[in-house]
Amino acid sequence: MPEALGAIHASGLTLRPYRCDRCFQYHLTSRTRGKRAVRPE
């Protein structure tokens, strides 16, 4: 997940990482509603 957090900061956008229930990897989304967000460690 550190790569995702680095991409968020580099983009300048409001993005959140989430764990995909299909491939179990982390992805980024700009959505604020829906599934629970993953909390950074």
PDB file of N, CA and C in Angstrom:
ATOM      1  N   MET A   1       0.807  -1.201   0.000  1.00  0.00           N
ATOM      2  CA  MET A   1       0.000   0.000   0.000  1.00  0.00           C
ATOM      3  C   MET A   1       0.854   1.272   0.000  1.00  0.00           C
ATOM      4  N   PRO A   2       2.128   1.232   0.355  1.00  0.00           N
ATOM      5  CA  PRO A   2       2.932   2.455   0.297  1.00  0.00           C
ATOM      6  C   PRO A   2       2.987   3.075  -1.097  1.00  0.00           C
ATOM      7  N   GLU A   3       2.956   2.246  -2.140  1.00  0.00           N
ATOM      8  CA  GLU A   3       2.970   2.774  -3.498  1.00  0.00           C
ATOM      9  C   GLU A   3       1.708   3.579  -3.769  1.00  0.00           C
ATOM     10  N   ALA A   4       0.577   3.084  -3.282  1.00  0.00           N
ATOM     11  CA  ALA A   4      -0.698   3.784  -3.479  1.00  0.00           C
ATOM     12  C   ALA A   4      -0.681   5.131  -2.769  1.00  0.00           C
ATOM     13  N   LEU A   5      -0.170   5.151  -1.552  1.00  0.00           N
ATOM     14  CA  LEU A   5      -0.121   6.412  -0.813  1.00  0.00           C
ATOM     15  C   LEU A   5       0.809   7.410  -1.495  1.00  0.00           C
ATOM     16  N   GLY A   6       1.918   6.929  -2.041  1.00  0.00           N
ATOM     17  CA  GLY A   6       2.824   7.810  -2.781  1.00  0.00           C
ATOM     18  C   GLY A   6       2.160   8.382  -4.017  1.00  0.00           C
ATOM     19  N   ALA A   7       1.377   7.563  -4.722  1.00  0.00           N
ATOM     20  CA  ALA A   7       0.665   8.018  -5.916  1.00  0.00           C
ATOM     21  C   ALA A   7      -0.395   9.056  -5.561  1.00  0.00           C
ATOM     22  N   ILE A   8      -1.047   8.877  -4.432  1.00  0.00           N
ATOM     23  CA  ILE A   8      -2.059   9.845  -3.988  1.00  0.00           C
ATOM     24  C   ILE A   8      -1.402  11.206  -3.767  1.00  0.00           C
ATOM     25  N   HIS A   9      -0.309  11.230  -3.030  1.00  0.00           N
ATOM     26  CA  HIS A   9       0.357  12.495  -2.726  1.00  0.00           C
ATOM     27  C   HIS A   9       0.922  13.147  -3.985  1.00  0.00           C
ATOM     28  N   ALA A  10       1.437  12.350  -4.896  1.00  0.00           N
ATOM     29  CA  ALA A  10       2.023  12.881  -6.124  1.00  0.00           C
ATOM     30  C   ALA A  10       0.971  13.446  -7.071  1.00  0.00           C
ATOM     31  N   SER A  11      -0.250  12.911  -7.021  1.00  0.00           N
ATOM     32  CA  SER A  11      -1.284  13.316  -7.974  1.00  0.00           C
ATOM     33  C   SER A  11      -1.885  14.686  -7.654  1.00  0.00           C
ATOM     34  N   GLY A  12      -1.938  15.029  -6.381  1.00  0.00           N
ATOM     35  CA  GLY A  12      -2.572  16.276  -5.987  1.00  0.00           C
ATOM     36  C   GLY A  12      -4.093  16.185  -5.974  1.00  0.00           C
ATOM     37  N   LEU A  13      -4.629  14.994  -6.232  1.00  0.00           N
ATOM     38  CA  LEU A  13      -6.068  14.775  -6.233  1.00  0.00           C
ATOM     39  C   LEU A  13      -6.510  14.180  -4.898  1.00  0.00           C
ATOM     40  N   THR A  14      -7.805  14.205  -4.646  1.00  0.00           N
ATOM     41  CA  THR A  14      -8.349  13.568  -3.459  1.00  0.00           C
ATOM     42  C   THR A  14      -8.669  12.132  -3.817  1.00  0.00           C
ATOM     43  N   LEU A  15      -7.773  11.229  -3.447  1.00  0.00           N
ATOM     44  CA  LEU A  15      -7.927   9.811  -3.763  1.00  0.00           C
ATOM     45  C   LEU A  15      -7.791   8.989  -2.490  1.00  0.00           C
ATOM     46  N   ARG A  16      -8.425   7.813  -2.507  1.00  0.00           N
ATOM     47  CA  ARG A  16      -8.342   6.894  -1.377  1.00  0.00           C
ATOM     48  C   ARG A  16      -7.958   5.512  -1.888  1.00  0.00           C
ATOM     49  N   PRO A  17      -7.119   4.792  -1.153  1.00  0.00           N
ATOM     50  CA  PRO A  17      -6.831   3.411  -1.526  1.00  0.00           C
ATOM     51  C   PRO A  17      -7.939   2.500  -1.009  1.00  0.00           C
ATOM     52  N   TYR A  18      -8.196   1.425  -1.726  1.00  0.00           N
ATOM     53  CA  TYR A  18      -9.131   0.411  -1.241  1.00  0.00           C
ATOM     54  C   TYR A  18      -8.645  -0.943  -1.717  1.00  0.00           C
ATOM     55  N   ARG A  19      -8.995  -1.976  -0.974  1.00  0.00           N
ATOM     56  CA  ARG A  19      -8.600  -3.326  -1.344  1.00  0.00           C
ATOM     57  C   ARG A  19      -9.703  -3.942  -2.186  1.00  0.00           C
ATOM     58  N   CYS A  20      -9.340  -4.400  -3.371  1.00  0.00           N
ATOM     59  CA  CYS A  20     -10.283  -4.971  -4.325  1.00  0.00           C
ATOM     60  C   CYS A  20     -10.757  -6.331  -3.834  1.00  0.00           C
ATOM     61  N   ASP A  21     -12.073  -6.563  -3.883  1.00  0.00           N
ATOM     62  CA  ASP A  21     -12.608  -7.848  -3.440  1.00  0.00           C
ATOM     63  C   ASP A  21     -12.510  -8.922  -4.521  1.00  0.00           C
ATOM     64  N   ARG A  22     -12.009  -8.574  -5.692  1.00  0.00           N
ATOM     65  CA  ARG A  22     -11.836  -9.552  -6.775  1.00  0.00           C
ATOM     66  C   ARG A  22     -10.395 -10.039  -6.881  1.00  0.00           C
ATOM     67  N   CYS A  23      -9.425  -9.099  -6.874  1.00  0.00           N
ATOM     68  CA  CYS A  23      -8.023  -9.497  -7.042  1.00  0.00           C
ATOM     69  C   CYS A  23      -7.215  -9.343  -5.752  1.00  0.00           C
ATOM     70  N   PHE A  24      -7.818  -8.760  -4.715  1.00  0.00           N
ATOM     71  CA  PHE A  24      -7.199  -8.576  -3.399  1.00  0.00           C
ATOM     72  C   PHE A  24      -5.965  -7.664  -3.425  1.00  0.00           C
ATOM     73  N   GLN A  25      -5.847  -6.856  -4.468  1.00  0.00           N
ATOM     74  CA  GLN A  25      -4.788  -5.856  -4.557  1.00  0.00           C
ATOM     75  C   GLN A  25      -5.392  -4.510  -4.181  1.00  0.00           C
ATOM     76  N   TYR A  26      -4.546  -3.499  -4.048  1.00  0.00           N
ATOM     77  CA  TYR A  26      -5.020  -2.162  -3.719  1.00  0.00           C
ATOM     78  C   TYR A  26      -5.180  -1.339  -4.987  1.00  0.00           C
ATOM     79  N   HIS A  27      -6.240  -0.536  -5.022  1.00  0.00           N
ATOM     80  CA  HIS A  27      -6.521   0.370  -6.125  1.00  0.00           C
ATOM     81  C   HIS A  27      -6.835   1.735  -5.535  1.00  0.00           C
ATOM     82  N   LEU A  28      -6.926   2.748  -6.383  1.00  0.00           N
ATOM     83  CA  LEU A  28      -7.248   4.101  -5.945  1.00  0.00           C
ATOM     84  C   LEU A  28      -8.616   4.501  -6.468  1.00  0.00           C
ATOM     85  N   THR A  29      -9.357   5.255  -5.664  1.00  0.00           N
ATOM     86  CA  THR A  29     -10.657   5.754  -6.073  1.00  0.00           C
ATOM     87  C   THR A  29     -10.843   7.174  -5.563  1.00  0.00           C
ATOM     88  N   SER A  30     -11.682   7.913  -6.264  1.00  0.00           N
ATOM     89  CA  SER A  30     -12.055   9.247  -5.792  1.00  0.00           C
ATOM     90  C   SER A  30     -13.431   9.217  -5.143  1.00  0.00           C
ATOM     91  N   ARG A  31     -14.074   8.057  -5.152  1.00  0.00           N
ATOM     92  CA  ARG A  31     -15.399   7.929  -4.552  1.00  0.00           C
ATOM     93  C   ARG A  31     -15.339   8.093  -3.046  1.00  0.00           C
ATOM     94  N   THR A  32     -16.345   8.728  -2.491  1.00  0.00           N
ATOM     95  CA  THR A  32     -16.403   8.918  -1.043  1.00  0.00           C
ATOM     96  C   THR A  32     -17.573   8.164  -0.431  1.00  0.00           C
ATOM     97  N   ARG A  33     -18.359   7.507  -1.259  1.00  0.00           N
ATOM     98  CA  ARG A  33     -19.497   6.729  -0.760  1.00  0.00           C
ATOM     99  C   ARG A  33     -19.310   5.288  -1.192  1.00  0.00           C
ATOM    100  N   GLY A  34     -19.926   4.395  -0.453  1.00  0.00           N
ATOM    101  CA  GLY A  34     -19.845   2.986  -0.828  1.00  0.00           C
ATOM    102  C   GLY A  34     -19.089   2.175   0.194  1.00  0.00           C
ATOM    103  N   LYS A  35     -18.181   1.345  -0.270  1.00  0.00           N
ATOM    104  CA  LYS A  35     -17.455   0.446   0.597  1.00  0.00           C
ATOM    105  C   LYS A  35     -16.571   1.205   1.581  1.00  0.00           C
ATOM    106  N   ARG A  36     -16.223   0.524   2.653  1.00  0.00           N
ATOM    107  CA  ARG A  36     -15.371   1.135   3.672  1.00  0.00           C
ATOM    108  C   ARG A  36     -13.970   1.381   3.138  1.00  0.00           C
ATOM    109  N   ALA A  37     -13.378   2.451   3.579  1.00  0.00           N
ATOM    110  CA  ALA A  37     -12.012   2.799   3.181  1.00  0.00           C
ATOM    111  C   ALA A  37     -11.022   2.003   4.019  1.00  0.00           C
ATOM    112  N   VAL A  38      -9.867   1.748   3.440  1.00  0.00           N
ATOM    113  CA  VAL A  38      -8.787   1.085   4.161  1.00  0.00           C
ATOM    114  C   VAL A  38      -8.039   2.155   4.936  1.00  0.00           C
ATOM    115  N   ARG A  39      -7.806   1.890   6.210  1.00  0.00           N
ATOM    116  CA  ARG A  39      -7.069   2.852   7.022  1.00  0.00           C
ATOM    117  C   ARG A  39      -5.584   2.608   6.870  1.00  0.00           C
ATOM    118  N   PRO A  40      -4.815   3.665   6.657  1.00  0.00           N
ATOM    119  CA  PRO A  40      -3.356   3.496   6.552  1.00  0.00           C
ATOM    120  C   PRO A  40      -2.786   2.976   7.856  1.00  0.00           C
ATOM    121  N   GLU A  41      -1.726   2.191   7.766  1.00  0.00           N
ATOM    122  CA  GLU A  41      -1.099   1.609   8.961  1.00  0.00           C
ATOM    123  C   GLU A  41      -0.311   2.624   9.724  1.00  0.00           C
TER     124      GLU A  41
END
